[in-house]
Amino acid sequence: MNVPAILGLPAGSEWLLIALVALLLFGRRLPEVARSFGKSIVEFKKGMRDIKEDVESASTDEPKRSLPGADPAPTSKARSDEKAHA
């Protein structure tokens, strides 16, 4: 028994019938629907690009945080100044 892995999906000729019914139902509005669909895809991609840029800029611009009340580690110049005064 040869059973397809995915049941319920249309086959080749069924897609043709679905396209014909869609053409009959949305024939005059099909260019408008396609245009709206294209604009939606462009807006979605723009939003995804903006989110990606925000995440990348946030990760590179994020300042290093220190614990409150903790002094930053002295630099080598500050250490040499301390040794000179001691």
PDB file of N, CA and C in Angstrom:
ATOM      1  N   MET A   1       0.843  -1.177   0.000  1.00  0.00           N
ATOM      2  CA  MET A   1       0.000   0.000   0.000  1.00  0.00           C
ATOM      3  C   MET A   1       0.889   1.242   0.000  1.00  0.00           C
ATOM      4  N   ASN A   2       0.776   2.073  -1.015  1.00  0.00           N
ATOM      5  CA  ASN A   2       1.589   3.268  -1.164  1.00  0.00           C
ATOM      6  C   ASN A   2       0.779   4.474  -0.699  1.00  0.00           C
ATOM      7  N   VAL A   3       1.051   4.968   0.507  1.00  0.00           N
ATOM      8  CA  VAL A   3       0.323   6.102   1.085  1.00  0.00           C
ATOM      9  C   VAL A   3       1.259   7.301   1.104  1.00  0.00           C
ATOM     10  N   PRO A   4       0.807   8.456   0.581  1.00  0.00           N
ATOM     11  CA  PRO A   4       1.659   9.648   0.629  1.00  0.00           C
ATOM     12  C   PRO A   4       1.950  10.047   2.073  1.00  0.00           C
ATOM     13  N   ALA A   5       3.105  10.665   2.275  1.00  0.00           N
ATOM     14  CA  ALA A   5       3.510  11.061   3.622  1.00  0.00           C
ATOM     15  C   ALA A   5       2.575  12.123   4.192  1.00  0.00           C
ATOM     16  N   ILE A   6       2.108  13.023   3.350  1.00  0.00           N
ATOM     17  CA  ILE A   6       1.231  14.098   3.809  1.00  0.00           C
ATOM     18  C   ILE A   6      -0.120  13.925   3.130  1.00  0.00           C
ATOM     19  N   LEU A   7      -1.117  13.652   3.916  1.00  0.00           N
ATOM     20  CA  LEU A   7      -2.463  13.463   3.376  1.00  0.00           C
ATOM     21  C   LEU A   7      -3.213  14.788   3.375  1.00  0.00           C
ATOM     22  N   GLY A   8      -4.099  14.951   2.444  1.00  0.00           N
ATOM     23  CA  GLY A   8      -4.965  16.118   2.425  1.00  0.00           C
ATOM     24  C   GLY A   8      -4.461  17.296   1.622  1.00  0.00           C
ATOM     25  N   LEU A   9      -3.258  17.267   1.094  1.00  0.00           N
ATOM     26  CA  LEU A   9      -2.774  18.367   0.279  1.00  0.00           C
ATOM     27  C   LEU A   9      -3.211  18.165  -1.163  1.00  0.00           C
ATOM     28  N   PRO A  10      -3.558  19.266  -1.834  1.00  0.00           N
ATOM     29  CA  PRO A  10      -3.983  19.142  -3.230  1.00  0.00           C
ATOM     30  C   PRO A  10      -2.847  18.666  -4.131  1.00  0.00           C
ATOM     31  N   ALA A  11      -3.213  17.903  -5.140  1.00  0.00           N
ATOM     32  CA  ALA A  11      -2.253  17.428  -6.134  1.00  0.00           C
ATOM     33  C   ALA A  11      -2.238  18.406  -7.307  1.00  0.00           C
ATOM     34  N   GLY A  12      -1.535  18.089  -8.380  1.00  0.00           N
ATOM     35  CA  GLY A  12      -1.364  18.991  -9.515  1.00  0.00           C
ATOM     36  C   GLY A  12      -2.651  19.499 -10.130  1.00  0.00           C
ATOM     37  N   SER A  13      -3.557  18.595 -10.507  1.00  0.00           N
ATOM     38  CA  SER A  13      -4.799  19.027 -11.158  1.00  0.00           C
ATOM     39  C   SER A  13      -5.718  19.749 -10.177  1.00  0.00           C
ATOM     40  N   GLU A  14      -5.630  19.423  -8.909  1.00  0.00           N
ATOM     41  CA  GLU A  14      -6.457  20.107  -7.907  1.00  0.00           C
ATOM     42  C   GLU A  14      -6.019  21.562  -7.740  1.00  0.00           C
ATOM     43  N   TRP A  15      -4.710  21.818  -7.847  1.00  0.00           N
ATOM     44  CA  TRP A  15      -4.228  23.198  -7.776  1.00  0.00           C
ATOM     45  C   TRP A  15      -4.768  24.012  -8.951  1.00  0.00           C
ATOM     46  N   LEU A  16      -4.868  23.387 -10.107  1.00  0.00           N
ATOM     47  CA  LEU A  16      -5.419  24.053 -11.279  1.00  0.00           C
ATOM     48  C   LEU A  16      -6.874  24.440 -11.039  1.00  0.00           C
ATOM     49  N   LEU A  17      -7.640  23.544 -10.452  1.00  0.00           N
ATOM     50  CA  LEU A  17      -9.040  23.823 -10.133  1.00  0.00           C
ATOM     51  C   LEU A  17      -9.146  24.945  -9.098  1.00  0.00           C
ATOM     52  N   ILE A  18      -8.293  24.932  -8.096  1.00  0.00           N
ATOM     53  CA  ILE A  18      -8.299  25.991  -7.076  1.00  0.00           C
ATOM     54  C   ILE A  18      -7.966  27.336  -7.710  1.00  0.00           C
ATOM     55  N   ALA A  19      -6.984  27.370  -8.611  1.00  0.00           N
ATOM     56  CA  ALA A  19      -6.613  28.607  -9.295  1.00  0.00           C
ATOM     57  C   ALA A  19      -7.756  29.121 -10.160  1.00  0.00           C
ATOM     58  N   LEU A  20      -8.470  28.226 -10.823  1.00  0.00           N
ATOM     59  CA  LEU A  20      -9.603  28.617 -11.655  1.00  0.00           C
ATOM     60  C   LEU A  20     -10.718  29.223 -10.806  1.00  0.00           C
ATOM     61  N   VAL A  21     -11.024  28.611  -9.681  1.00  0.00           N
ATOM     62  CA  VAL A  21     -12.061  29.139  -8.783  1.00  0.00           C
ATOM     63  C   VAL A  21     -11.638  30.500  -8.236  1.00  0.00           C
ATOM     64  N   ALA A  22     -10.366  30.645  -7.859  1.00  0.00           N
ATOM     65  CA  ALA A  22      -9.868  31.929  -7.362  1.00  0.00           C
ATOM     66  C   ALA A  22      -9.967  32.997  -8.445  1.00  0.00           C
ATOM     67  N   LEU A  23      -9.676  32.633  -9.678  1.00  0.00           N
ATOM     68  CA  LEU A  23      -9.778  33.579 -10.784  1.00  0.00           C
ATOM     69  C   LEU A  23     -11.220  34.018 -10.995  1.00  0.00           C
ATOM     70  N   LEU A  24     -12.151  33.085 -10.887  1.00  0.00           N
ATOM     71  CA  LEU A  24     -13.562  33.435 -11.044  1.00  0.00           C
ATOM     72  C   LEU A  24     -14.053  34.324  -9.906  1.00  0.00           C
ATOM     73  N   LEU A  25     -13.630  34.031  -8.697  1.00  0.00           N
ATOM     74  CA  LEU A  25     -14.093  34.806  -7.545  1.00  0.00           C
ATOM     75  C   LEU A  25     -13.431  36.175  -7.451  1.00  0.00           C
ATOM     76  N   PHE A  26     -12.124  36.232  -7.699  1.00  0.00           N
ATOM     77  CA  PHE A  26     -11.372  37.467  -7.490  1.00  0.00           C
ATOM     78  C   PHE A  26     -10.826  38.052  -8.784  1.00  0.00           C
ATOM     79  N   GLY A  27     -11.377  37.685  -9.918  1.00  0.00           N
ATOM     80  CA  GLY A  27     -10.844  38.086 -11.218  1.00  0.00           C
ATOM     81  C   GLY A  27     -10.564  39.562 -11.359  1.00  0.00           C
ATOM     82  N   ARG A  28     -11.546  40.397 -11.096  1.00  0.00           N
ATOM     83  CA  ARG A  28     -11.360  41.833 -11.282  1.00  0.00           C
ATOM     84  C   ARG A  28     -10.479  42.431 -10.188  1.00  0.00           C
ATOM     85  N   ARG A  29     -10.523  41.839  -9.018  1.00  0.00           N
ATOM     86  CA  ARG A  29      -9.751  42.384  -7.900  1.00  0.00           C
ATOM     87  C   ARG A  29      -8.378  41.733  -7.771  1.00  0.00           C
ATOM     88  N   LEU A  30      -8.049  40.793  -8.630  1.00  0.00           N
ATOM     89  CA  LEU A  30      -6.782  40.070  -8.516  1.00  0.00           C
ATOM     90  C   LEU A  30      -5.559  40.990  -8.579  1.00  0.00           C
ATOM     91  N   PRO A  31      -5.486  41.967  -9.485  1.00  0.00           N
ATOM     92  CA  PRO A  31      -4.324  42.875  -9.470  1.00  0.00           C
ATOM     93  C   PRO A  31      -4.219  43.658  -8.161  1.00  0.00           C
ATOM     94  N   GLU A  32      -5.360  44.082  -7.639  1.00  0.00           N
ATOM     95  CA  GLU A  32      -5.368  44.819  -6.375  1.00  0.00           C
ATOM     96  C   GLU A  32      -4.913  43.928  -5.215  1.00  0.00           C
ATOM     97  N   VAL A  33      -5.389  42.693  -5.209  1.00  0.00           N
ATOM     98  CA  VAL A  33      -5.000  41.749  -4.160  1.00  0.00           C
ATOM     99  C   VAL A  33      -3.505  41.451  -4.251  1.00  0.00           C
ATOM    100  N   ALA A  34      -2.997  41.249  -5.449  1.00  0.00           N
ATOM    101  CA  ALA A  34      -1.570  40.967  -5.634  1.00  0.00           C
ATOM    102  C   ALA A  34      -0.724  42.164  -5.203  1.00  0.00           C
ATOM    103  N   ARG A  35      -1.172  43.374  -5.529  1.00  0.00           N
ATOM    104  CA  ARG A  35      -0.453  44.584  -5.143  1.00  0.00           C
ATOM    105  C   ARG A  35      -0.423  44.724  -3.621  1.00  0.00           C
ATOM    106  N   SER A  36      -1.553  44.485  -2.984  1.00  0.00           N
ATOM    107  CA  SER A  36      -1.616  44.557  -1.522  1.00  0.00           C
ATOM    108  C   SER A  36      -0.721  43.503  -0.881  1.00  0.00           C
ATOM    109  N   PHE A  37      -0.725  42.321  -1.459  1.00  0.00           N
ATOM    110  CA  PHE A  37       0.122  41.246  -0.944  1.00  0.00           C
ATOM    111  C   PHE A  37       1.601  41.624  -1.067  1.00  0.00           C
ATOM    112  N   GLY A  38       1.975  42.202  -2.195  1.00  0.00           N
ATOM    113  CA  GLY A  38       3.359  42.635  -2.398  1.00  0.00           C
ATOM    114  C   GLY A  38       3.770  43.720  -1.415  1.00  0.00           C
ATOM    115  N   LYS A  39       2.877  44.695  -1.179  1.00  0.00           N
ATOM    116  CA  LYS A  39       3.170  45.753  -0.213  1.00  0.00           C
ATOM    117  C   LYS A  39       3.307  45.182   1.192  1.00  0.00           C
ATOM    118  N   SER A  40       2.489  44.205   1.508  1.00  0.00           N
ATOM    119  CA  SER A  40       2.571  43.576   2.830  1.00  0.00           C
ATOM    120  C   SER A  40       3.916  42.890   3.021  1.00  0.00           C
ATOM    121  N   ILE A  41       4.379  42.211   1.997  1.00  0.00           N
ATOM    122  CA  ILE A  41       5.678  41.530   2.086  1.00  0.00           C
ATOM    123  C   ILE A  41       6.803  42.549   2.244  1.00  0.00           C
ATOM    124  N   VAL A  42       6.736  43.657   1.503  1.00  0.00           N
ATOM    125  CA  VAL A  42       7.761  44.695   1.608  1.00  0.00           C
ATOM    126  C   VAL A  42       7.777  45.280   3.018  1.00  0.00           C
ATOM    127  N   GLU A  43       6.605  45.572   3.574  1.00  0.00           N
ATOM    128  CA  GLU A  43       6.521  46.115   4.931  1.00  0.00           C
ATOM    129  C   GLU A  43       7.052  45.125   5.959  1.00  0.00           C
ATOM    130  N   PHE A  44       6.738  43.853   5.778  1.00  0.00           N
ATOM    131  CA  PHE A  44       7.218  42.828   6.701  1.00  0.00           C
ATOM    132  C   PHE A  44       8.742  42.758   6.676  1.00  0.00           C
ATOM    133  N   LYS A  45       9.319  42.757   5.476  1.00  0.00           N
ATOM    134  CA  LYS A  45      10.778  42.695   5.357  1.00  0.00           C
ATOM    135  C   LYS A  45      11.427  43.945   5.950  1.00  0.00           C
ATOM    136  N   LYS A  46      10.799  45.109   5.748  1.00  0.00           N
ATOM    137  CA  LYS A  46      11.322  46.350   6.311  1.00  0.00           C
ATOM    138  C   LYS A  46      11.301  46.285   7.838  1.00  0.00           C
ATOM    139  N   GLY A  47      10.221  45.784   8.393  1.00  0.00           N
ATOM    140  CA  GLY A  47      10.127  45.643   9.842  1.00  0.00           C
ATOM    141  C   GLY A  47      11.170  44.688  10.389  1.00  0.00           C
ATOM    142  N   MET A  48      11.377  43.578   9.697  1.00  0.00           N
ATOM    143  CA  MET A  48      12.385  42.615  10.140  1.00  0.00           C
ATOM    144  C   MET A  48      13.787  43.229  10.069  1.00  0.00           C
ATOM    145  N   ARG A  49      14.059  44.004   9.024  1.00  0.00           N
ATOM    146  CA  ARG A  49      15.361  44.648   8.883  1.00  0.00           C
ATOM    147  C   ARG A  49      15.567  45.681   9.996  1.00  0.00           C
ATOM    148  N   ASP A  50      14.516  46.463  10.302  1.00  0.00           N
ATOM    149  CA  ASP A  50      14.613  47.459  11.364  1.00  0.00           C
ATOM    150  C   ASP A  50      14.864  46.803  12.718  1.00  0.00           C
ATOM    151  N   ILE A  51      14.178  45.707  12.983  1.00  0.00           N
ATOM    152  CA  ILE A  51      14.378  45.001  14.247  1.00  0.00           C
ATOM    153  C   ILE A  51      15.803  44.470  14.329  1.00  0.00           C
ATOM    154  N   LYS A  52      16.293  43.918  13.230  1.00  0.00           N
ATOM    155  CA  LYS A  52      17.661  43.384  13.210  1.00  0.00           C
ATOM    156  C   LYS A  52      18.670  44.497  13.464  1.00  0.00           C
ATOM    157  N   GLU A  53      18.468  45.665  12.835  1.00  0.00           N
ATOM    158  CA  GLU A  53      19.373  46.794  13.043  1.00  0.00           C
ATOM    159  C   GLU A  53      19.315  47.277  14.484  1.00  0.00           C
ATOM    160  N   ASP A  54      18.117  47.321  15.079  1.00  0.00           N
ATOM    161  CA  ASP A  54      17.977  47.737  16.471  1.00  0.00           C
ATOM    162  C   ASP A  54      18.716  46.793  17.407  1.00  0.00           C
ATOM    163  N   VAL A  55      18.589  45.511  17.166  1.00  0.00           N
ATOM    164  CA  VAL A  55      19.265  44.526  18.015  1.00  0.00           C
ATOM    165  C   VAL A  55      20.776  44.651  17.867  1.00  0.00           C
ATOM    166  N   GLU A  56      21.246  44.804  16.636  1.00  0.00           N
ATOM    167  CA  GLU A  56      22.688  44.929  16.415  1.00  0.00           C
ATOM    168  C   GLU A  56      23.236  46.205  17.033  1.00  0.00           C
ATOM    169  N   SER A  57      22.525  47.322  16.895  1.00  0.00           N
ATOM    170  CA  SER A  57      23.015  48.576  17.465  1.00  0.00           C
ATOM    171  C   SER A  57      22.938  48.549  18.985  1.00  0.00           C
ATOM    172  N   ALA A  58      21.942  47.885  19.544  1.00  0.00           N
ATOM    173  CA  ALA A  58      21.836  47.792  20.997  1.00  0.00           C
ATOM    174  C   ALA A  58      22.962  46.945  21.567  1.00  0.00           C
ATOM    175  N   SER A  59      23.354  45.908  20.853  1.00  0.00           N
ATOM    176  CA  SER A  59      24.418  45.045  21.371  1.00  0.00           C
ATOM    177  C   SER A  59      25.781  45.717  21.254  1.00  0.00           C
ATOM    178  N   THR A  60      25.989  46.588  20.270  1.00  0.00           N
ATOM    179  CA  THR A  60      27.281  47.260  20.130  1.00  0.00           C
ATOM    180  C   THR A  60      27.342  48.543  20.943  1.00  0.00           C
ATOM    181  N   ASP A  61      26.218  49.202  21.180  1.00  0.00           N
ATOM    182  CA  ASP A  61      26.196  50.463  21.912  1.00  0.00           C
ATOM    183  C   ASP A  61      25.998  50.277  23.408  1.00  0.00           C
ATOM    184  N   GLU A  62      25.728  49.079  23.848  1.00  0.00           N
ATOM    185  CA  GLU A  62      25.428  48.855  25.257  1.00  0.00           C
ATOM    186  C   GLU A  62      26.677  49.102  26.099  1.00  0.00           C
ATOM    187  N   PRO A  63      26.595  50.058  27.041  1.00  0.00           N
ATOM    188  CA  PRO A  63      27.770  50.327  27.874  1.00  0.00           C
ATOM    189  C   PRO A  63      27.989  49.201  28.877  1.00  0.00           C
ATOM    190  N   LYS A  64      29.244  49.036  29.272  1.00  0.00           N
ATOM    191  CA  LYS A  64      29.550  48.028  30.274  1.00  0.00           C
ATOM    192  C   LYS A  64      29.104  48.566  31.625  1.00  0.00           C
ATOM    193  N   ARG A  65      28.368  47.767  32.336  1.00  0.00           N
ATOM    194  CA  ARG A  65      27.828  48.192  33.622  1.00  0.00           C
ATOM    195  C   ARG A  65      28.717  47.673  34.741  1.00  0.00           C
ATOM    196  N   SER A  66      28.886  48.505  35.757  1.00  0.00           N
ATOM    197  CA  SER A  66      29.633  48.064  36.928  1.00  0.00           C
ATOM    198  C   SER A  66      28.678  48.025  38.110  1.00  0.00           C
ATOM    199  N   LEU A  67      29.088  47.349  39.131  1.00  0.00           N
ATOM    200  CA  LEU A  67      28.262  47.259  40.320  1.00  0.00           C
ATOM    201  C   LEU A  67      28.242  48.608  41.016  1.00  0.00           C
ATOM    202  N   PRO A  68      27.107  48.981  41.606  1.00  0.00           N
ATOM    203  CA  PRO A  68      27.049  50.264  42.318  1.00  0.00           C
ATOM    204  C   PRO A  68      28.029  50.255  43.491  1.00  0.00           C
ATOM    205  N   GLY A  69      28.772  51.342  43.637  1.00  0.00           N
ATOM    206  CA  GLY A  69      29.711  51.457  44.741  1.00  0.00           C
ATOM    207  C   GLY A  69      31.058  50.817  44.461  1.00  0.00           C
ATOM    208  N   ALA A  70      31.193  50.110  43.385  1.00  0.00           N
ATOM    209  CA  ALA A  70      32.466  49.461  43.070  1.00  0.00           C
ATOM    210  C   ALA A  70      33.321  50.429  42.274  1.00  0.00           C
ATOM    211  N   ASP A  71      34.576  50.550  42.692  1.00  0.00           N
ATOM    212  CA  ASP A  71      35.501  51.414  41.973  1.00  0.00           C
ATOM    213  C   ASP A  71      36.035  50.665  40.768  1.00  0.00           C
ATOM    214  N   PRO A  72      36.203  51.367  39.671  1.00  0.00           N
ATOM    215  CA  PRO A  72      36.775  50.685  38.512  1.00  0.00           C
ATOM    216  C   PRO A  72      38.222  50.304  38.801  1.00  0.00           C
ATOM    217  N   ALA A  73      38.699  49.296  38.138  1.00  0.00           N
ATOM    218  CA  ALA A  73      40.072  48.837  38.331  1.00  0.00           C
ATOM    219  C   ALA A  73      41.029  49.929  37.899  1.00  0.00           C
ATOM    220  N   PRO A  74      42.064  50.196  38.705  1.00  0.00           N
ATOM    221  CA  PRO A  74      43.008  51.260  38.336  1.00  0.00           C
ATOM    222  C   PRO A  74      43.800  50.875  37.097  1.00  0.00           C
ATOM    223  N   THR A  75      44.115  51.877  36.311  1.00  0.00           N
ATOM    224  CA  THR A  75      44.899  51.639  35.104  1.00  0.00           C
ATOM    225  C   THR A  75      46.364  51.512  35.467  1.00  0.00           C
ATOM    226  N   SER A  76      47.174  51.127  34.534  1.00  0.00           N
ATOM    227  CA  SER A  76      48.605  50.957  34.805  1.00  0.00           C
ATOM    228  C   SER A  76      49.247  52.293  35.163  1.00  0.00           C
ATOM    229  N   LYS A  77      48.772  53.401  34.589  1.00  0.00           N
ATOM    230  CA  LYS A  77      49.307  54.720  34.913  1.00  0.00           C
ATOM    231  C   LYS A  77      48.964  55.076  36.343  1.00  0.00           C
ATOM    232  N   ALA A  78      47.734  54.779  36.759  1.00  0.00           N
ATOM    233  CA  ALA A  78      47.329  55.068  38.128  1.00  0.00           C
ATOM    234  C   ALA A  78      48.130  54.225  39.108  1.00  0.00           C
ATOM    235  N   ARG A  79      48.438  53.003  38.773  1.00  0.00           N
ATOM    236  CA  ARG A  79      49.235  52.139  39.643  1.00  0.00           C
ATOM    237  C   ARG A  79      50.655  52.687  39.787  1.00  0.00           C
ATOM    238  N   SER A  80      51.222  53.155  38.678  1.00  0.00           N
ATOM    239  CA  SER A  80      52.584  53.687  38.750  1.00  0.00           C
ATOM    240  C   SER A  80      52.614  54.976  39.557  1.00  0.00           C
ATOM    241  N   ASP A  81      51.545  55.796  39.490  1.00  0.00           N
ATOM    242  CA  ASP A  81      51.461  57.013  40.292  1.00  0.00           C
ATOM    243  C   ASP A  81      51.373  56.669  41.768  1.00  0.00           C
ATOM    244  N   GLU A  82      50.618  55.612  42.111  1.00  0.00           N
ATOM    245  CA  GLU A  82      50.480  55.198  43.501  1.00  0.00           C
ATOM    246  C   GLU A  82      51.820  54.727  44.041  1.00  0.00           C
ATOM    247  N   LYS A  83      52.590  53.993  43.249  1.00  0.00           N
ATOM    248  CA  LYS A  83      53.896  53.501  43.683  1.00  0.00           C
ATOM    249  C   LYS A  83      54.871  54.664  43.875  1.00  0.00           C
ATOM    250  N   ALA A  84      54.766  55.695  43.056  1.00  0.00           N
ATOM    251  CA  ALA A  84      55.660  56.840  43.157  1.00  0.00           C
ATOM    252  C   ALA A  84      55.391  57.624  44.433  1.00  0.00           C
ATOM    253  N   HIS A  85      54.123  57.706  44.857  1.00  0.00           N
ATOM    254  CA  HIS A  85      53.762  58.455  46.054  1.00  0.00           C
ATOM    255  C   HIS A  85      53.974  57.634  47.315  1.00  0.00           C
ATOM    256  N   ALA A  86      54.088  56.352  47.234  1.00  0.00           N
ATOM    257  CA  ALA A  86      54.209  55.503  48.426  1.00  0.00           C
ATOM    258  C   ALA A  86      55.589  55.464  48.986  1.00  0.00           C
TER     259      ALA A  86
END
